[in-house]
Structures are given as structure tokens and as C-alpha cells.
Amino acid sequence: MIRSISIPLCACIALLLNCGSGAAIDGRKPARVTLSIPASGIRTVILRAANAEQAKAVVAKTGAPISVSGVPEGGAKGYHSSDPNWKETPPEEWGLGFKTKIFGDTLVISTWNEMAYIHHHYELRDIEVSTSPGVKIVRQTRTLTGDGAPDLTKPALK
């Protein structure tokens, strides 16, 4: 026997509008993960992230610290553990963040704990990098694996 469930049209539309928007169903925006680094002597910032190409560059006032931020997203949708006590870890609790390393006048910023493995996928979206005027930003897309380690390798100098 099939039973139908009646859901008001406005509730369906509201739910659909929230899907994929990064907004929680309760209307709260997910918290941004932010890191600030002193800008002294930095001329180039290399951003390594799964969503590096979509990162927004913001020009701050001269002498302001370099800052990077992003919104945690993802989960393990479709994964069904045999452990009855297993619960999916929400993206804001996964430990997503940024790590940095300086090479002369170049600052490498890499995402940390971004990963993609079978059903598990966690990443930072809506990334913003804020630098002083004249600082060059180089975006390098990371291919995600099951290892969330940051990529802080020395950049190839040209």
C-alpha cells in the first residue's frame, strides 16, 4: 500500500533553495575558517586548495596581515557503516583549515584536512585571500585524495 505525504509547496521550495547554497536549513550560515599571517616582506602568495581557481582575491590596506578564509563543506553521504554507533562527521567538525610556509618572499598557503575518498568528501569553499596592494596571488588546484595533509612543498621559482 502506498501512502502519499502532503508537504506544503512553500516548504518544498524553501528546502530546494537551501540545497547546495552552503546555508544551513535553520538559516544560519556555516562559520568561516580563517587564518591571518603577517605580511611583512611577502610579494607572492601561492594558494593550494581544491577550489583555488574560484578563490576571491581581496585587496586590503597596505601593511594589513594576509588572511585566508573558507567555508567547510562535505560529509560522507551514502556511506553506511556496519558500526551502529557510527555518525557522520559534519564538515565544521572535520578540522578543515589552512597551513602556511614561507620561502623567501613567497608565502605558500595550503588547505589542511581537505580530502576525497570513496564516500568521504570534505573541502573548503568560498575561499577568500586578502593581501596588501601589489601582492601577487597564484592559484594552484589540489587534487584531493584520502590524505588530508597540506601541500607545503617549495614552489618552483621562475
C-alpha atoms as a PDB file:
ATOM      1  CA  MET A   1       0.000   0.000   0.000  1.00  0.00           C
ATOM      2  CA  ILE A   2       1.396   3.386  -0.983  1.00  0.00           C
ATOM      3  CA  ARG A   3       0.569   6.419   1.114  1.00  0.00           C
ATOM      4  CA  SER A   4       1.099   9.948  -0.004  1.00  0.00           C
ATOM      5  CA  ILE A   5       2.551  12.623   2.196  1.00  0.00           C
ATOM      6  CA  SER A   6       1.425  16.167   1.716  1.00  0.00           C
ATOM      7  CA  ILE A   7       4.091  18.825   2.198  1.00  0.00           C
ATOM      8  CA  PRO A   8       3.159  22.461   1.698  1.00  0.00           C
ATOM      9  CA  LEU A   9       4.566  23.848  -1.569  1.00  0.00           C
ATOM     10  CA  CYS A  10       6.307  26.758   0.174  1.00  0.00           C
ATOM     11  CA  ALA A  11       8.200  24.314   2.441  1.00  0.00           C
ATOM     12  CA  CYS A  12       9.383  22.325  -0.611  1.00  0.00           C
ATOM     13  CA  ILE A  13      10.556  25.489  -2.356  1.00  0.00           C
ATOM     14  CA  ALA A  14      12.406  26.716   0.753  1.00  0.00           C
ATOM     15  CA  LEU A  15      14.124  23.353   1.137  1.00  0.00           C
ATOM     16  CA  LEU A  16      15.179  23.309  -2.526  1.00  0.00           C
ATOM     17  CA  LEU A  17      16.540  26.856  -2.341  1.00  0.00           C
ATOM     18  CA  ASN A  18      18.712  25.917   0.633  1.00  0.00           C
ATOM     19  CA  CYS A  19      20.166  22.784  -1.019  1.00  0.00           C
ATOM     20  CA  GLY A  20      23.711  23.409  -2.181  1.00  0.00           C
ATOM     21  CA  SER A  21      23.736  27.030  -1.070  1.00  0.00           C
ATOM     22  CA  GLY A  22      26.013  26.424   1.889  1.00  0.00           C
ATOM     23  CA  ALA A  23      23.276  27.691   4.207  1.00  0.00           C
ATOM     24  CA  ALA A  24      22.024  25.507   6.982  1.00  0.00           C
ATOM     25  CA  ILE A  25      18.331  24.601   6.886  1.00  0.00           C
ATOM     26  CA  ASP A  26      17.830  26.546  10.111  1.00  0.00           C
ATOM     27  CA  GLY A  27      19.017  29.705   8.302  1.00  0.00           C
ATOM     28  CA  ARG A  28      22.423  30.002   9.968  1.00  0.00           C
ATOM     29  CA  LYS A  29      25.451  30.436   7.732  1.00  0.00           C
ATOM     30  CA  PRO A  30      28.296  27.988   8.308  1.00  0.00           C
ATOM     31  CA  ALA A  31      31.219  29.508  10.210  1.00  0.00           C
ATOM     32  CA  ARG A  32      34.246  30.500   8.110  1.00  0.00           C
ATOM     33  CA  VAL A  33      37.638  29.027   8.924  1.00  0.00           C
ATOM     34  CA  THR A  34      40.153  31.905   8.973  1.00  0.00           C
ATOM     35  CA  LEU A  35      43.927  32.260   9.259  1.00  0.00           C
ATOM     36  CA  SER A  36      45.923  35.522   9.365  1.00  0.00           C
ATOM     37  CA  ILE A  37      49.658  35.807   8.644  1.00  0.00           C
ATOM     38  CA  PRO A  38      51.942  38.853   8.992  1.00  0.00           C
ATOM     39  CA  ALA A  39      52.515  40.309   5.507  1.00  0.00           C
ATOM     40  CA  SER A  40      55.993  41.735   6.106  1.00  0.00           C
ATOM     41  CA  GLY A  41      58.204  41.049   3.065  1.00  0.00           C
ATOM     42  CA  ILE A  42      55.692  38.854   1.217  1.00  0.00           C
ATOM     43  CA  ARG A  43      55.400  39.585  -2.520  1.00  0.00           C
ATOM     44  CA  THR A  44      53.718  36.392  -3.734  1.00  0.00           C
ATOM     45  CA  VAL A  45      51.050  34.168  -2.179  1.00  0.00           C
ATOM     46  CA  ILE A  46      50.566  30.672  -3.566  1.00  0.00           C
ATOM     47  CA  LEU A  47      47.183  29.214  -2.648  1.00  0.00           C
ATOM     48  CA  ARG A  48      46.862  25.429  -2.878  1.00  0.00           C
ATOM     49  CA  ALA A  49      43.280  24.232  -2.459  1.00  0.00           C
ATOM     50  CA  ALA A  50      40.719  22.065  -4.228  1.00  0.00           C
ATOM     51  CA  ASN A  51      38.799  25.252  -5.023  1.00  0.00           C
ATOM     52  CA  ALA A  52      41.804  27.543  -5.576  1.00  0.00           C
ATOM     53  CA  GLU A  53      40.659  28.682  -9.038  1.00  0.00           C
ATOM     54  CA  GLN A  54      37.398  30.029  -7.578  1.00  0.00           C
ATOM     55  CA  ALA A  55      39.117  31.827  -4.689  1.00  0.00           C
ATOM     56  CA  LYS A  56      38.258  35.505  -4.366  1.00  0.00           C
ATOM     57  CA  ALA A  57      41.153  37.969  -4.070  1.00  0.00           C
ATOM     58  CA  VAL A  58      40.548  40.926  -1.776  1.00  0.00           C
ATOM     59  CA  VAL A  59      42.896  43.920  -1.641  1.00  0.00           C
ATOM     60  CA  ALA A  60      43.354  45.158   1.916  1.00  0.00           C
ATOM     61  CA  LYS A  61      45.127  48.287   3.115  1.00  0.00           C
ATOM     62  CA  THR A  62      48.914  48.388   2.945  1.00  0.00           C
ATOM     63  CA  GLY A  63      50.510  46.634   5.921  1.00  0.00           C
ATOM     64  CA  ALA A  64      47.415  44.614   6.802  1.00  0.00           C
ATOM     65  CA  PRO A  65      48.067  40.944   7.533  1.00  0.00           C
ATOM     66  CA  ILE A  66      47.455  38.392   4.798  1.00  0.00           C
ATOM     67  CA  SER A  67      44.319  36.460   5.602  1.00  0.00           C
ATOM     68  CA  VAL A  68      42.663  33.434   4.071  1.00  0.00           C
ATOM     69  CA  SER A  69      39.252  32.005   4.882  1.00  0.00           C
ATOM     70  CA  GLY A  70      36.822  29.417   3.588  1.00  0.00           C
ATOM     71  CA  VAL A  71      33.576  27.644   4.397  1.00  0.00           C
ATOM     72  CA  PRO A  72      33.778  23.943   5.391  1.00  0.00           C
ATOM     73  CA  GLU A  73      31.580  21.662   3.281  1.00  0.00           C
ATOM     74  CA  GLY A  74      31.171  17.969   2.697  1.00  0.00           C
ATOM     75  CA  GLY A  75      30.473  14.771   4.529  1.00  0.00           C
ATOM     76  CA  ALA A  76      30.149  11.050   3.965  1.00  0.00           C
ATOM     77  CA  LYS A  77      26.790  10.947   2.245  1.00  0.00           C
ATOM     78  CA  GLY A  78      25.919   7.458   1.059  1.00  0.00           C
ATOM     79  CA  TYR A  79      28.315   5.735   3.489  1.00  0.00           C
ATOM     80  CA  HIS A  80      26.667   3.171   5.747  1.00  0.00           C
ATOM     81  CA  SER A  81      28.959   1.818   8.431  1.00  0.00           C
ATOM     82  CA  SER A  82      28.329  -1.580   9.981  1.00  0.00           C
ATOM     83  CA  ASP A  83      29.010   0.084  13.349  1.00  0.00           C
ATOM     84  CA  PRO A  84      25.619   1.019  14.832  1.00  0.00           C
ATOM     85  CA  ASN A  85      27.240   3.874  16.803  1.00  0.00           C
ATOM     86  CA  TRP A  86      28.868   5.490  13.731  1.00  0.00           C
ATOM     87  CA  LYS A  87      27.766   9.030  12.968  1.00  0.00           C
ATOM     88  CA  GLU A  88      28.767  11.185  10.018  1.00  0.00           C
ATOM     89  CA  THR A  89      31.179  13.960  10.984  1.00  0.00           C
ATOM     90  CA  PRO A  90      29.806  17.373   9.987  1.00  0.00           C
ATOM     91  CA  PRO A  91      32.220  19.470   7.883  1.00  0.00           C
ATOM     92  CA  GLU A  92      32.576  22.133  10.581  1.00  0.00           C
ATOM     93  CA  GLU A  93      33.894  19.401  12.943  1.00  0.00           C
ATOM     94  CA  TRP A  94      36.225  17.705  10.418  1.00  0.00           C
ATOM     95  CA  GLY A  95      39.163  20.020  11.240  1.00  0.00           C
ATOM     96  CA  LEU A  96      39.418  21.779   7.883  1.00  0.00           C
ATOM     97  CA  GLY A  97      41.839  24.668   7.866  1.00  0.00           C
ATOM     98  CA  PHE A  98      44.957  26.231   6.380  1.00  0.00           C
ATOM     99  CA  LYS A  99      48.703  25.755   6.939  1.00  0.00           C
ATOM    100  CA  THR A 100      51.489  28.044   5.708  1.00  0.00           C
ATOM    101  CA  LYS A 101      55.187  28.042   4.933  1.00  0.00           C
ATOM    102  CA  ILE A 102      57.409  30.917   3.803  1.00  0.00           C
ATOM    103  CA  PHE A 103      60.060  30.587   1.082  1.00  0.00           C
ATOM    104  CA  GLY A 104      61.900  33.935   0.856  1.00  0.00           C
ATOM    105  CA  ASP A 105      59.297  36.485  -0.246  1.00  0.00           C
ATOM    106  CA  THR A 106      56.765  33.779  -1.195  1.00  0.00           C
ATOM    107  CA  LEU A 107      54.084  32.536   1.170  1.00  0.00           C
ATOM    108  CA  VAL A 108      52.562  29.123   0.442  1.00  0.00           C
ATOM    109  CA  ILE A 109      49.082  28.632   1.869  1.00  0.00           C
ATOM    110  CA  SER A 110      47.659  25.124   1.649  1.00  0.00           C
ATOM    111  CA  THR A 111      44.380  23.686   2.806  1.00  0.00           C
ATOM    112  CA  TRP A 112      44.571  21.134   5.576  1.00  0.00           C
ATOM    113  CA  ASN A 113      42.289  18.106   6.017  1.00  0.00           C
ATOM    114  CA  GLU A 114      40.614  18.558   2.635  1.00  0.00           C
ATOM    115  CA  MET A 115      40.065  15.037   1.358  1.00  0.00           C
ATOM    116  CA  ALA A 116      38.110  12.838  -1.018  1.00  0.00           C
ATOM    117  CA  TYR A 117      37.969   9.086  -0.541  1.00  0.00           C
ATOM    118  CA  ILE A 118      35.087   6.925  -1.733  1.00  0.00           C
ATOM    119  CA  HIS A 119      32.030   8.437   0.053  1.00  0.00           C
ATOM    120  CA  HIS A 120      34.030  10.848   2.226  1.00  0.00           C
ATOM    121  CA  HIS A 121      34.494  14.307   0.748  1.00  0.00           C
ATOM    122  CA  TYR A 122      35.463  17.387   2.767  1.00  0.00           C
ATOM    123  CA  GLU A 123      36.629  20.697   1.284  1.00  0.00           C
ATOM    124  CA  LEU A 124      36.763  24.442   1.816  1.00  0.00           C
ATOM    125  CA  ARG A 125      34.546  26.521  -0.464  1.00  0.00           C
ATOM    126  CA  ASP A 126      34.081  30.257  -0.986  1.00  0.00           C
ATOM    127  CA  ILE A 127      37.769  30.855  -0.257  1.00  0.00           C
ATOM    128  CA  GLU A 128      38.891  34.470   0.112  1.00  0.00           C
ATOM    129  CA  VAL A 129      42.509  35.654   0.207  1.00  0.00           C
ATOM    130  CA  SER A 130      43.157  39.178   1.462  1.00  0.00           C
ATOM    131  CA  THR A 131      46.530  40.804   0.720  1.00  0.00           C
ATOM    132  CA  SER A 132      48.131  44.237   0.600  1.00  0.00           C
ATOM    133  CA  PRO A 133      48.159  46.031  -2.769  1.00  0.00           C
ATOM    134  CA  GLY A 134      50.797  44.677  -5.167  1.00  0.00           C
ATOM    135  CA  VAL A 135      50.979  41.165  -3.691  1.00  0.00           C
ATOM    136  CA  LYS A 136      50.590  38.548  -6.436  1.00  0.00           C
ATOM    137  CA  ILE A 137      48.247  35.600  -5.815  1.00  0.00           C
ATOM    138  CA  VAL A 138      48.938  32.329  -7.629  1.00  0.00           C
ATOM    139  CA  ARG A 139      46.143  29.744  -7.501  1.00  0.00           C
ATOM    140  CA  GLN A 140      47.056  26.046  -7.651  1.00  0.00           C
ATOM    141  CA  THR A 141      44.247  23.492  -7.661  1.00  0.00           C
ATOM    142  CA  ARG A 142      44.845  20.477  -5.428  1.00  0.00           C
ATOM    143  CA  THR A 143      43.621  17.035  -6.410  1.00  0.00           C
ATOM    144  CA  LEU A 144      42.075  15.588  -3.285  1.00  0.00           C
ATOM    145  CA  THR A 145      42.911  12.091  -2.042  1.00  0.00           C
ATOM    146  CA  GLY A 146      42.289  10.184   1.180  1.00  0.00           C
ATOM    147  CA  ASP A 147      45.223  12.031   2.784  1.00  0.00           C
ATOM    148  CA  GLY A 148      44.343  15.481   4.122  1.00  0.00           C
ATOM    149  CA  ALA A 149      47.957  16.584   4.638  1.00  0.00           C
ATOM    150  CA  PRO A 150      48.771  20.126   3.457  1.00  0.00           C
ATOM    151  CA  ASP A 151      50.969  20.655   0.379  1.00  0.00           C
ATOM    152  CA  LEU A 152      53.706  22.950   1.662  1.00  0.00           C
ATOM    153  CA  THR A 153      56.350  21.915  -0.848  1.00  0.00           C
ATOM    154  CA  LYS A 154      58.759  24.521  -2.132  1.00  0.00           C
ATOM    155  CA  PRO A 155      57.365  26.314  -5.161  1.00  0.00           C
ATOM    156  CA  ALA A 156      59.236  26.163  -8.457  1.00  0.00           C
ATOM    157  CA  LEU A 157      60.981  29.507  -8.854  1.00  0.00           C
ATOM    158  CA  LYS A 158      60.910  31.135 -12.281  1.00  0.00           C
END
